[in-house]
N, C-alpha and C. Protein backbone atom coordinates (compact mmCIF):
# COMPACT_ATOMS: atom_id res chain seq x y z
N MET A 1 73.12 -63.61 -30.01
CA MET A 1 72.40 -62.41 -30.35
C MET A 1 71.65 -62.47 -31.70
N SER A 2 70.37 -62.14 -31.75
CA SER A 2 69.60 -62.13 -32.69
C SER A 2 70.04 -60.93 -33.85
N ARG A 3 69.92 -61.08 -34.96
CA ARG A 3 70.41 -60.09 -35.85
C ARG A 3 69.21 -59.75 -36.76
N ARG A 4 69.09 -58.43 -37.09
CA ARG A 4 68.07 -57.97 -37.84
C ARG A 4 68.86 -57.53 -39.21
N ILE A 5 68.01 -57.34 -40.25
CA ILE A 5 68.29 -56.93 -41.47
C ILE A 5 67.55 -55.37 -41.69
N PHE A 6 68.20 -54.68 -42.21
CA PHE A 6 67.55 -53.28 -42.55
C PHE A 6 68.15 -53.21 -44.01
N ILE A 7 67.07 -53.04 -45.05
CA ILE A 7 67.18 -53.00 -46.42
C ILE A 7 66.81 -51.57 -46.76
N ASN A 8 67.81 -50.85 -47.28
CA ASN A 8 67.77 -49.34 -47.74
C ASN A 8 67.73 -49.36 -49.11
N LEU A 9 66.69 -48.87 -49.74
CA LEU A 9 66.36 -48.74 -51.19
C LEU A 9 66.00 -47.30 -51.58
N PRO A 10 66.75 -47.03 -52.63
CA PRO A 10 66.41 -45.65 -53.12
C PRO A 10 65.16 -45.53 -53.92
N VAL A 11 64.11 -44.60 -53.84
CA VAL A 11 63.13 -44.60 -54.57
C VAL A 11 62.93 -43.15 -55.21
N ALA A 12 62.40 -43.15 -56.27
CA ALA A 12 62.06 -41.88 -57.17
C ALA A 12 60.92 -41.21 -56.74
N ASP A 13 60.03 -41.73 -56.17
CA ASP A 13 58.72 -41.15 -55.73
C ASP A 13 58.05 -41.66 -54.35
N LEU A 14 58.59 -41.20 -53.36
CA LEU A 14 58.31 -41.86 -52.02
C LEU A 14 56.64 -41.97 -51.86
N PRO A 15 55.74 -41.18 -52.08
CA PRO A 15 54.46 -41.66 -51.84
C PRO A 15 53.99 -42.83 -52.63
N ARG A 16 54.38 -42.90 -53.95
CA ARG A 16 53.99 -44.21 -54.79
C ARG A 16 54.66 -45.29 -54.14
N SER A 17 55.97 -45.29 -53.81
CA SER A 17 56.51 -46.37 -53.20
C SER A 17 55.88 -46.85 -51.84
N VAL A 18 55.49 -45.87 -51.01
CA VAL A 18 54.70 -46.25 -49.81
C VAL A 18 53.45 -46.86 -50.14
N ALA A 19 52.70 -46.20 -50.94
CA ALA A 19 51.40 -47.05 -51.35
C ALA A 19 51.62 -48.31 -51.97
N PHE A 20 52.75 -48.62 -52.71
CA PHE A 20 53.07 -49.89 -53.32
C PHE A 20 53.42 -51.03 -52.40
N PHE A 21 54.22 -50.63 -51.25
CA PHE A 21 54.62 -51.58 -50.06
C PHE A 21 53.34 -51.69 -49.18
N THR A 22 52.43 -50.71 -49.14
CA THR A 22 51.32 -50.90 -48.23
C THR A 22 50.52 -51.79 -48.63
N ALA A 23 50.26 -51.99 -50.06
CA ALA A 23 49.17 -52.72 -50.83
C ALA A 23 49.31 -54.27 -50.47
N PRO A 24 50.52 -54.74 -50.28
CA PRO A 24 50.58 -56.23 -50.09
C PRO A 24 50.42 -56.49 -48.41
N GLY A 25 50.12 -55.52 -47.65
CA GLY A 25 49.94 -55.57 -46.43
C GLY A 25 51.33 -55.55 -45.45
N PHE A 26 52.33 -54.99 -45.86
CA PHE A 26 53.57 -54.83 -45.06
C PHE A 26 53.19 -53.60 -44.19
N ALA A 27 53.73 -53.52 -43.09
CA ALA A 27 53.33 -52.78 -41.94
C ALA A 27 54.24 -51.60 -41.93
N PRO A 28 53.74 -50.39 -42.04
CA PRO A 28 54.42 -49.14 -42.12
C PRO A 28 54.83 -48.73 -40.59
N ASN A 29 55.97 -48.32 -40.40
CA ASN A 29 56.45 -47.95 -39.27
C ASN A 29 56.65 -46.52 -39.07
N ALA A 30 55.79 -45.72 -38.57
CA ALA A 30 55.73 -44.28 -38.33
C ALA A 30 56.87 -43.70 -37.80
N GLN A 31 57.30 -44.41 -36.84
CA GLN A 31 58.34 -43.75 -36.04
C GLN A 31 59.62 -43.68 -36.82
N PHE A 32 59.74 -44.08 -37.93
CA PHE A 32 61.09 -43.79 -38.76
C PHE A 32 60.67 -43.22 -40.25
N ALA A 33 59.67 -42.49 -40.10
CA ALA A 33 59.06 -41.86 -41.45
C ALA A 33 59.17 -40.45 -41.47
N ASP A 34 59.56 -39.78 -42.61
CA ASP A 34 59.43 -38.36 -42.71
C ASP A 34 59.26 -38.08 -44.20
N HIS A 35 59.45 -36.77 -44.47
CA HIS A 35 59.56 -36.39 -45.98
C HIS A 35 60.43 -37.06 -46.79
N ALA A 36 61.31 -37.59 -46.35
CA ALA A 36 62.52 -38.32 -47.19
C ALA A 36 62.60 -39.67 -47.04
N GLY A 37 61.76 -40.33 -46.20
CA GLY A 37 61.78 -41.76 -45.97
C GLY A 37 60.76 -42.35 -45.42
N ALA A 38 60.53 -43.71 -45.59
CA ALA A 38 59.47 -44.48 -45.02
C ALA A 38 60.15 -45.70 -44.54
N CYS A 39 59.39 -46.33 -43.61
CA CYS A 39 60.01 -47.43 -43.03
C CYS A 39 58.69 -48.67 -42.92
N PHE A 40 59.17 -49.84 -43.30
CA PHE A 40 58.06 -50.93 -43.38
C PHE A 40 58.73 -52.07 -42.48
N ASP A 41 58.05 -52.69 -41.61
CA ASP A 41 58.46 -53.90 -40.88
C ASP A 41 57.94 -55.09 -41.65
N ILE A 42 58.96 -55.74 -42.48
CA ILE A 42 58.47 -56.83 -43.23
C ILE A 42 58.21 -58.17 -42.26
N SER A 43 59.11 -58.27 -41.46
CA SER A 43 58.84 -59.25 -40.39
C SER A 43 59.58 -58.80 -39.14
N ASP A 44 59.77 -59.71 -38.03
CA ASP A 44 60.44 -59.33 -36.98
C ASP A 44 61.93 -59.20 -37.00
N THR A 45 62.60 -59.60 -37.94
CA THR A 45 63.80 -59.50 -38.32
C THR A 45 64.22 -58.68 -39.54
N ILE A 46 63.15 -58.37 -40.45
CA ILE A 46 63.62 -57.52 -41.44
C ILE A 46 62.71 -56.12 -41.49
N THR A 47 63.62 -55.10 -41.82
CA THR A 47 63.17 -53.64 -41.89
C THR A 47 63.45 -53.08 -43.31
N LEU A 48 62.44 -52.62 -43.84
CA LEU A 48 62.71 -52.14 -45.27
C LEU A 48 62.59 -50.55 -45.01
N MET A 49 63.60 -49.83 -45.56
CA MET A 49 63.72 -48.35 -45.67
C MET A 49 63.65 -47.90 -47.02
N LEU A 50 62.67 -47.18 -47.18
CA LEU A 50 62.57 -46.48 -48.68
C LEU A 50 63.00 -45.09 -48.46
N LEU A 51 63.96 -44.69 -49.15
CA LEU A 51 64.75 -43.43 -49.02
C LEU A 51 64.56 -42.52 -50.43
N THR A 52 64.32 -41.25 -50.45
CA THR A 52 64.28 -40.52 -51.55
C THR A 52 65.82 -40.64 -51.85
N HIS A 53 66.14 -40.31 -53.30
CA HIS A 53 67.28 -40.50 -53.94
C HIS A 53 68.40 -39.36 -53.15
N ALA A 54 67.79 -38.31 -52.87
CA ALA A 54 68.77 -37.31 -51.98
C ALA A 54 69.03 -37.95 -50.64
N ARG A 55 68.10 -38.48 -50.10
CA ARG A 55 68.27 -38.97 -48.69
C ARG A 55 69.30 -40.15 -48.77
N PHE A 56 69.10 -41.13 -49.63
CA PHE A 56 69.89 -42.25 -50.09
C PHE A 56 71.42 -41.87 -50.21
N ARG A 57 71.52 -40.73 -50.88
CA ARG A 57 72.95 -40.37 -51.26
C ARG A 57 73.64 -39.92 -49.91
N ASP A 58 72.98 -39.48 -48.88
CA ASP A 58 73.50 -39.10 -47.54
C ASP A 58 74.23 -40.23 -47.10
N PHE A 59 74.04 -41.53 -47.43
CA PHE A 59 74.60 -42.69 -46.86
C PHE A 59 75.92 -43.30 -47.79
N THR A 60 75.93 -42.90 -48.74
CA THR A 60 76.98 -43.30 -49.92
C THR A 60 77.28 -42.15 -50.84
N PRO A 61 78.66 -42.17 -51.01
CA PRO A 61 79.08 -41.06 -52.19
C PRO A 61 78.89 -41.67 -53.55
N ARG A 62 78.46 -42.83 -53.74
CA ARG A 62 78.33 -43.47 -55.06
C ARG A 62 76.95 -43.23 -55.57
N ALA A 63 76.80 -42.96 -56.94
CA ALA A 63 75.50 -42.79 -57.69
C ALA A 63 74.43 -43.82 -57.53
N VAL A 64 73.19 -43.43 -57.57
CA VAL A 64 72.09 -44.30 -57.36
C VAL A 64 72.06 -44.95 -58.81
N CYS A 65 71.88 -46.32 -58.68
CA CYS A 65 71.77 -47.19 -59.93
C CYS A 65 70.50 -46.82 -60.70
N ASP A 66 70.74 -46.79 -61.93
CA ASP A 66 69.66 -46.57 -62.93
C ASP A 66 69.02 -47.93 -63.33
N THR A 67 67.87 -48.38 -62.44
CA THR A 67 67.29 -49.60 -62.45
C THR A 67 66.88 -50.00 -63.87
N GLY A 68 66.59 -48.94 -64.74
CA GLY A 68 66.12 -49.23 -66.23
C GLY A 68 67.08 -49.76 -66.87
N LYS A 69 68.40 -49.72 -66.49
CA LYS A 69 69.51 -49.95 -67.47
C LYS A 69 70.33 -51.24 -66.73
N ALA A 70 70.26 -51.10 -65.18
CA ALA A 70 71.11 -52.24 -64.69
C ALA A 70 70.38 -52.74 -63.25
N VAL A 71 70.77 -53.84 -62.96
CA VAL A 71 70.18 -54.49 -61.73
C VAL A 71 70.93 -53.93 -60.51
N GLU A 72 70.30 -53.38 -59.66
CA GLU A 72 70.76 -52.80 -58.54
C GLU A 72 71.15 -53.96 -57.34
N VAL A 73 70.00 -54.68 -57.16
CA VAL A 73 69.95 -55.68 -56.16
C VAL A 73 68.77 -56.66 -56.46
N LEU A 74 68.82 -57.69 -55.89
CA LEU A 74 67.79 -58.88 -56.04
C LEU A 74 67.53 -59.35 -54.55
N LEU A 75 66.19 -59.28 -54.15
CA LEU A 75 65.90 -59.56 -52.77
C LEU A 75 64.96 -60.70 -52.85
N SER A 76 65.36 -61.62 -51.84
CA SER A 76 64.55 -62.92 -51.87
C SER A 76 63.69 -62.94 -50.36
N LEU A 77 62.45 -63.24 -50.53
CA LEU A 77 61.67 -63.27 -49.02
C LEU A 77 61.09 -64.41 -49.01
N SER A 78 60.97 -65.14 -47.99
CA SER A 78 60.64 -66.63 -47.79
C SER A 78 59.01 -66.33 -47.52
N CYS A 79 58.09 -67.18 -47.91
CA CYS A 79 56.79 -67.15 -47.62
C CYS A 79 56.34 -68.27 -46.92
N GLU A 80 55.04 -68.33 -46.20
CA GLU A 80 54.59 -69.48 -45.44
C GLU A 80 54.14 -70.34 -46.34
N SER A 81 53.53 -70.06 -47.72
CA SER A 81 52.97 -71.11 -48.56
C SER A 81 53.02 -70.61 -50.03
N ARG A 82 52.82 -71.53 -50.94
CA ARG A 82 52.51 -71.35 -52.24
C ARG A 82 51.60 -70.06 -52.32
N GLU A 83 50.59 -70.20 -51.76
CA GLU A 83 49.31 -69.00 -51.96
C GLU A 83 49.87 -67.95 -51.43
N GLU A 84 50.80 -67.85 -50.34
CA GLU A 84 51.06 -66.27 -49.93
C GLU A 84 52.21 -65.95 -51.14
N VAL A 85 52.95 -66.65 -51.77
CA VAL A 85 53.65 -66.29 -52.86
C VAL A 85 52.80 -65.86 -53.97
N ASP A 86 51.85 -66.44 -54.35
CA ASP A 86 51.00 -66.05 -55.41
C ASP A 86 50.15 -64.75 -55.10
N SER A 87 49.82 -64.58 -53.78
CA SER A 87 49.13 -63.57 -53.25
C SER A 87 49.94 -62.19 -53.15
N LEU A 88 51.17 -62.40 -52.87
CA LEU A 88 52.11 -61.09 -52.80
C LEU A 88 52.24 -60.60 -54.31
N VAL A 89 52.57 -61.68 -55.14
CA VAL A 89 52.73 -61.22 -56.61
C VAL A 89 51.57 -60.53 -57.05
N ALA A 90 50.36 -61.09 -57.13
CA ALA A 90 49.01 -60.63 -57.41
C ALA A 90 49.05 -59.05 -56.87
N LYS A 91 49.16 -58.85 -55.55
CA LYS A 91 48.93 -57.56 -54.93
C LYS A 91 49.97 -56.50 -55.38
N ALA A 92 51.37 -57.00 -55.69
CA ALA A 92 52.27 -56.12 -56.17
C ALA A 92 51.95 -55.61 -57.75
N LEU A 93 51.59 -56.73 -58.46
CA LEU A 93 51.12 -56.21 -59.81
C LEU A 93 49.92 -55.35 -59.75
N ALA A 94 49.09 -55.42 -58.99
CA ALA A 94 47.83 -54.61 -58.99
C ALA A 94 48.10 -53.33 -58.39
N ALA A 95 49.31 -53.31 -57.49
CA ALA A 95 49.80 -51.78 -56.96
C ALA A 95 50.69 -51.24 -58.02
N GLY A 96 50.96 -51.87 -59.10
CA GLY A 96 51.75 -51.19 -60.17
C GLY A 96 53.16 -51.82 -60.54
N GLY A 97 53.29 -52.64 -59.71
CA GLY A 97 54.74 -53.53 -60.04
C GLY A 97 54.35 -54.41 -61.28
N SER A 98 55.59 -55.13 -61.66
CA SER A 98 55.62 -55.92 -62.87
C SER A 98 56.35 -57.14 -62.41
N THR A 99 56.31 -58.09 -63.35
CA THR A 99 57.00 -59.27 -63.26
C THR A 99 57.47 -59.68 -64.58
N HIS A 100 58.67 -60.44 -64.62
CA HIS A 100 59.48 -60.75 -65.85
C HIS A 100 59.53 -62.39 -66.05
N ASP A 101 58.68 -63.05 -65.16
CA ASP A 101 58.88 -64.47 -65.16
C ASP A 101 57.59 -65.14 -64.82
N GLU A 102 57.56 -66.53 -64.92
CA GLU A 102 56.38 -67.18 -64.49
C GLU A 102 56.57 -68.06 -63.24
N PRO A 103 55.66 -68.31 -62.35
CA PRO A 103 55.99 -69.13 -61.25
C PRO A 103 56.81 -70.26 -61.39
N GLU A 104 57.56 -70.92 -60.66
CA GLU A 104 58.33 -72.25 -61.05
C GLU A 104 58.31 -72.95 -59.83
N ASP A 105 57.91 -74.26 -60.01
CA ASP A 105 57.78 -75.35 -59.15
C ASP A 105 58.87 -76.26 -59.28
N PHE A 106 59.74 -76.28 -58.07
CA PHE A 106 60.89 -77.34 -58.23
C PHE A 106 60.75 -78.36 -57.27
N GLY A 107 59.48 -78.67 -56.94
CA GLY A 107 59.24 -79.74 -56.11
C GLY A 107 59.30 -79.25 -54.62
N PHE A 108 60.48 -78.88 -54.10
CA PHE A 108 60.87 -78.67 -52.84
C PHE A 108 60.68 -77.10 -52.64
N MET A 109 60.55 -76.47 -53.82
CA MET A 109 60.65 -75.11 -53.63
C MET A 109 59.72 -74.39 -54.71
N TYR A 110 58.82 -73.41 -54.30
CA TYR A 110 57.99 -72.81 -55.19
C TYR A 110 58.36 -71.38 -55.41
N THR A 111 58.69 -70.70 -56.58
CA THR A 111 59.05 -69.53 -56.71
C THR A 111 58.31 -68.56 -57.66
N HIS A 112 58.28 -67.31 -57.30
CA HIS A 112 57.83 -66.30 -58.24
C HIS A 112 58.34 -64.93 -57.78
N GLY A 113 58.09 -63.80 -58.48
CA GLY A 113 58.69 -62.67 -58.00
C GLY A 113 57.90 -61.34 -58.66
N PHE A 114 58.36 -60.22 -58.22
CA PHE A 114 57.97 -59.17 -58.97
C PHE A 114 59.04 -58.12 -58.97
N VAL A 115 58.85 -56.92 -59.61
CA VAL A 115 59.67 -55.80 -59.61
C VAL A 115 58.92 -54.62 -59.20
N ASP A 116 59.33 -53.85 -58.23
CA ASP A 116 58.72 -52.78 -57.77
C ASP A 116 58.68 -51.61 -58.57
N PRO A 117 57.95 -50.47 -58.36
CA PRO A 117 58.00 -49.37 -59.45
C PRO A 117 59.32 -48.74 -59.56
N ASP A 118 60.27 -49.01 -58.67
CA ASP A 118 61.63 -48.41 -58.95
C ASP A 118 62.70 -49.44 -59.34
N GLY A 119 62.19 -50.50 -59.82
CA GLY A 119 62.98 -51.52 -60.40
C GLY A 119 63.69 -52.42 -59.62
N HIS A 120 63.50 -52.48 -58.31
CA HIS A 120 64.14 -53.42 -57.49
C HIS A 120 63.46 -54.77 -57.56
N GLY A 121 64.17 -55.79 -57.80
CA GLY A 121 63.67 -57.23 -57.91
C GLY A 121 63.36 -57.80 -56.65
N TRP A 122 62.25 -58.57 -56.36
CA TRP A 122 61.81 -59.20 -55.16
C TRP A 122 61.41 -60.65 -55.67
N GLY A 123 62.14 -61.62 -55.07
CA GLY A 123 62.03 -63.13 -55.44
C GLY A 123 61.05 -63.58 -54.08
N LEU A 124 60.03 -64.20 -54.42
CA LEU A 124 59.32 -64.84 -53.25
C LEU A 124 59.47 -66.22 -53.39
N LEU A 125 59.66 -67.11 -52.48
CA LEU A 125 59.82 -68.42 -52.41
C LEU A 125 59.12 -69.11 -51.27
N HIS A 126 58.55 -70.39 -51.39
CA HIS A 126 58.23 -71.02 -50.28
C HIS A 126 58.87 -72.55 -50.62
N MET A 127 59.74 -72.94 -49.32
CA MET A 127 60.44 -74.06 -49.40
C MET A 127 59.69 -75.24 -48.53
N SER A 128 59.06 -76.19 -49.14
CA SER A 128 58.27 -77.11 -48.34
C SER A 128 59.44 -78.35 -47.68
N ALA A 129 60.61 -78.20 -48.09
CA ALA A 129 61.57 -79.14 -47.55
C ALA A 129 63.07 -78.72 -48.29
N MET A 130 64.12 -78.84 -47.51
CA MET A 130 65.33 -78.54 -48.18
C MET A 130 65.65 -79.77 -48.92
N PRO A 131 66.37 -79.42 -50.04
CA PRO A 131 66.76 -80.39 -50.91
C PRO A 131 67.99 -81.53 -50.36
N GLU A 132 67.89 -82.47 -50.67
CA GLU A 132 69.10 -83.48 -50.19
C GLU A 132 70.39 -82.98 -50.65
N GLN A 133 71.45 -82.95 -49.80
CA GLN A 133 72.84 -82.73 -49.98
C GLN A 133 73.28 -84.02 -50.93
N ARG A 134 74.10 -83.73 -51.82
CA ARG A 134 74.59 -84.79 -52.76
C ARG A 134 76.16 -85.19 -52.33
N ALA A 135 76.39 -86.31 -52.22
CA ALA A 135 77.87 -86.45 -51.80
C ALA A 135 78.68 -86.07 -52.97
N GLY A 136 79.86 -85.38 -52.69
CA GLY A 136 80.85 -84.87 -53.46
C GLY A 136 81.74 -85.60 -54.24
């Protein structure tokens, strides 16, 4: 069985977040969108659900994290190339996101990331090869 991942994120301003995630070219899925939520198909197996705080609380009795004070989640997304990593970060920054680090090149893996307007951390990575396993 093939599995899908559905990422549900609370957002303070749904139209702003929709614009932000549309900017890098993620595909909106109108079938699952309304005044309290939006859906983006990140890949064939990853779906991003953006939910207003009120709608998000319908799924959990716990408070929504204040991402200005605490880290809620770090999401990592693989990319096809180093250029795609750089391009997605540039588009995220142009759309109102931020970054807290510089790109890193580990030889086998290139990484960089951004923080969306609601404070969710997105790590982007391109792996050219898996590192060799060291004998224990």
